[in-house]
């Protein structure tokens, strides 16, 4: 394990073990799901991640085309959609705020103060509370990188109307 500092977090991570785990995963969540929202995310993916995030992914062993969760949250105006998503990595969160905090009514809730904006559209954080652990990561210490991003609607199929 190596120790990494990224903004307000200290992580213990094993980039080689993370790369090996990702090598055993065939497709990312958007391709697996295939819904209209995920098709849009996959189409926009080349512009979704800022360079600072891509540099961090490379250091940690994360493959950016293999998100293990992508969730469409809500429209942003008429031409974009806000998504959240996650990437597991072999390691642990040593210090810094956890993306998920206990909800007074039970369960967990997003702690917006535990995220960092890398750009106006892209924010991220880390958590020890895993939402999805793919088989290649099971049995290893895992921390999850969480992100939120506004993505332009790019595919020809019309964006769903807000409810």
Protein backbone atom coordinates (compact mmCIF):
# COMPACT_ATOMS: atom_id res chain seq x y z
CA UNK A 1 0.00 0.00 0.00
CA UNK A 2 1.08 3.55 -0.73
CA UNK A 3 -0.07 6.71 1.01
CA UNK A 4 -1.65 9.37 -1.20
CA UNK A 5 -2.67 12.92 -0.34
CA UNK A 6 -5.38 14.48 -2.49
CA UNK A 7 -6.73 17.83 -1.38
CA UNK A 8 -8.28 17.20 2.07
CA UNK A 9 -7.94 13.40 2.09
CA UNK A 10 -5.18 10.98 2.96
CA UNK A 11 -5.59 7.52 1.44
CA UNK A 12 -3.79 4.26 1.70
CA UNK A 13 -4.04 2.70 -1.75
CA UNK A 14 -2.68 -0.16 -3.83
CA UNK A 15 -2.75 1.05 -7.46
CA UNK A 16 -1.48 -2.29 -8.83
CA UNK A 17 -4.20 -4.30 -7.05
CA UNK A 18 -6.78 -1.73 -8.20
CA UNK A 19 -5.62 -2.01 -11.85
CA UNK A 20 -5.74 -5.80 -11.61
CA UNK A 21 -9.30 -5.67 -10.24
CA UNK A 22 -10.43 -3.33 -13.02
CA UNK A 23 -8.78 -5.58 -15.62
CA UNK A 24 -11.28 -8.28 -14.59
CA UNK A 25 -14.30 -6.00 -15.23
CA UNK A 26 -15.67 -6.08 -18.77
CA UNK A 27 -17.82 -2.95 -18.98
CA UNK A 28 -18.74 0.11 -16.97
CA UNK A 29 -22.12 0.70 -15.38
CA UNK A 30 -23.51 2.94 -18.17
CA UNK A 31 -22.90 0.24 -20.79
CA UNK A 32 -24.29 -2.46 -18.48
CA UNK A 33 -27.45 -0.50 -17.72
CA UNK A 34 -28.09 0.88 -21.18
CA UNK A 35 -30.95 3.22 -20.19
CA UNK A 36 -31.26 6.54 -22.03
CA UNK A 37 -29.57 8.39 -19.16
CA UNK A 38 -26.63 5.99 -19.14
CA UNK A 39 -26.33 6.11 -22.92
CA UNK A 40 -26.04 9.89 -22.65
CA UNK A 41 -23.41 9.60 -19.89
CA UNK A 42 -21.37 7.10 -21.93
CA UNK A 43 -21.59 9.35 -25.00
CA UNK A 44 -20.41 12.36 -22.98
CA UNK A 45 -17.76 10.42 -20.99
CA UNK A 46 -14.73 11.82 -22.91
CA UNK A 47 -15.58 15.28 -21.53
CA UNK A 48 -17.02 14.28 -18.12
CA UNK A 49 -13.83 13.93 -16.08
CA UNK A 50 -11.56 16.94 -15.61
CA UNK A 51 -7.82 16.43 -16.06
CA UNK A 52 -7.20 16.65 -12.31
CA UNK A 53 -9.58 13.70 -11.78
CA UNK A 54 -8.02 11.71 -14.64
CA UNK A 55 -4.55 12.28 -13.16
CA UNK A 56 -5.78 11.04 -9.78
CA UNK A 57 -7.48 8.01 -11.36
CA UNK A 58 -4.18 7.09 -13.06
CA UNK A 59 -2.25 7.42 -9.76
CA UNK A 60 -4.79 5.23 -7.93
CA UNK A 61 -5.22 2.60 -10.68
CA UNK A 62 -8.83 3.53 -11.55
CA UNK A 63 -9.99 2.95 -15.15
CA UNK A 64 -12.29 5.94 -15.98
CA UNK A 65 -14.46 4.00 -18.44
CA UNK A 66 -15.39 1.41 -15.80
CA UNK A 67 -17.61 3.30 -13.36
CA UNK A 68 -19.24 0.84 -10.99
CA UNK A 69 -22.26 3.00 -10.45
CA UNK A 70 -23.78 5.91 -12.36
CA UNK A 71 -27.09 7.37 -11.23
CA UNK A 72 -29.08 10.05 -13.08
CA UNK A 73 -30.34 12.43 -10.39
CA UNK A 74 -32.10 15.37 -12.03
CA UNK A 75 -32.18 17.67 -15.04
CA UNK A 76 -30.10 20.84 -14.93
CA UNK A 77 -32.04 23.23 -17.11
CA UNK A 78 -33.16 22.01 -20.51
CA UNK A 79 -29.82 20.80 -21.83
CA UNK A 80 -27.99 18.92 -19.06
CA UNK A 81 -28.43 16.27 -16.39
CA UNK A 82 -26.81 15.85 -12.96
CA UNK A 83 -25.34 12.40 -12.32
CA UNK A 84 -23.61 10.77 -9.39
CA UNK A 85 -21.31 7.80 -9.62
CA UNK A 86 -18.56 5.84 -7.97
CA UNK A 87 -15.33 3.95 -8.43
CA UNK A 88 -13.99 1.41 -5.92
CA UNK A 89 -10.27 1.20 -5.26
CA UNK A 90 -8.14 -1.07 -3.12
CA UNK A 91 -7.19 0.89 -0.02
CA UNK A 92 -8.66 2.85 2.84
CA UNK A 93 -9.55 6.39 3.82
CA UNK A 94 -6.99 7.43 6.43
CA UNK A 95 -8.15 10.99 7.07
CA UNK A 96 -10.48 13.59 5.69
CA UNK A 97 -14.25 13.81 5.60
CA UNK A 98 -16.33 10.79 4.59
CA UNK A 99 -18.73 11.44 1.69
CA UNK A 100 -21.55 9.67 3.57
CA UNK A 101 -22.56 10.63 7.10
CA UNK A 102 -25.12 9.11 9.46
CA UNK A 103 -28.62 10.47 8.97
CA UNK A 104 -30.29 11.39 12.30
CA UNK A 105 -33.36 9.42 11.14
CA UNK A 106 -31.29 6.35 10.27
CA UNK A 107 -29.21 5.32 7.30
CA UNK A 108 -26.71 7.55 5.53
CA UNK A 109 -26.88 10.86 3.72
CA UNK A 110 -24.53 12.73 1.41
CA UNK A 111 -22.32 15.22 3.22
CA UNK A 112 -21.86 18.04 0.69
CA UNK A 113 -19.13 19.56 2.89
CA UNK A 114 -17.17 16.33 2.32
CA UNK A 115 -16.81 16.98 -1.41
CA UNK A 116 -14.39 19.09 -3.39
CA UNK A 117 -15.26 20.86 -6.63
CA UNK A 118 -12.56 20.18 -9.22
CA UNK A 119 -14.48 22.28 -11.75
CA UNK A 120 -17.80 24.09 -11.65
CA UNK A 121 -19.50 20.93 -12.97
CA UNK A 122 -17.51 18.15 -11.27
CA UNK A 123 -17.17 17.37 -7.56
CA UNK A 124 -15.88 14.33 -5.74
CA UNK A 125 -15.12 12.76 -2.37
CA UNK A 126 -14.21 9.46 -0.72
CA UNK A 127 -16.09 7.08 1.54
CA UNK A 128 -15.65 3.92 3.55
CA UNK A 129 -19.40 3.23 3.13
CA UNK A 130 -19.54 1.09 0.00
CA UNK A 131 -22.64 1.10 -2.17
CA UNK A 132 -21.50 -1.55 -4.65
CA UNK A 133 -18.45 -3.82 -4.52
CA UNK A 134 -17.73 -5.70 -7.76
CA UNK A 135 -16.44 -9.27 -7.42
CA UNK A 136 -12.80 -8.46 -8.30
CA UNK A 137 -12.64 -6.12 -5.25
CA UNK A 138 -14.26 -8.48 -2.73
CA UNK A 139 -12.06 -9.71 0.10
CA UNK A 140 -9.79 -6.67 -0.19
CA UNK A 141 -9.83 -3.41 1.74
CA UNK A 142 -11.85 -1.03 -0.43
CA UNK A 143 -12.55 2.68 -0.38
CA UNK A 144 -14.96 4.30 -2.81
CA UNK A 145 -14.43 7.47 -4.82
CA UNK A 146 -17.77 9.24 -5.25
CA UNK A 147 -18.46 11.91 -7.84
CA UNK A 148 -21.22 14.26 -8.94
CA UNK A 149 -21.21 15.93 -12.33
CA UNK A 150 -23.40 18.01 -14.63
CA UNK A 151 -23.35 16.39 -18.07
CA UNK A 152 -24.68 17.99 -21.24
CA UNK A 153 -27.45 16.08 -22.99
CA UNK A 154 -25.76 14.92 -26.20
CA UNK A 155 -27.66 11.98 -27.63
CA UNK A 156 -30.41 12.49 -30.23
CA UNK A 157 -33.11 10.92 -28.07
CA UNK A 158 -34.84 13.78 -26.26
CA UNK A 159 -33.92 14.41 -22.63
CA UNK A 160 -36.66 13.23 -20.22
CA UNK A 161 -38.90 16.00 -18.91
CA UNK A 162 -38.58 16.92 -15.24
CA UNK A 163 -41.43 15.63 -13.11
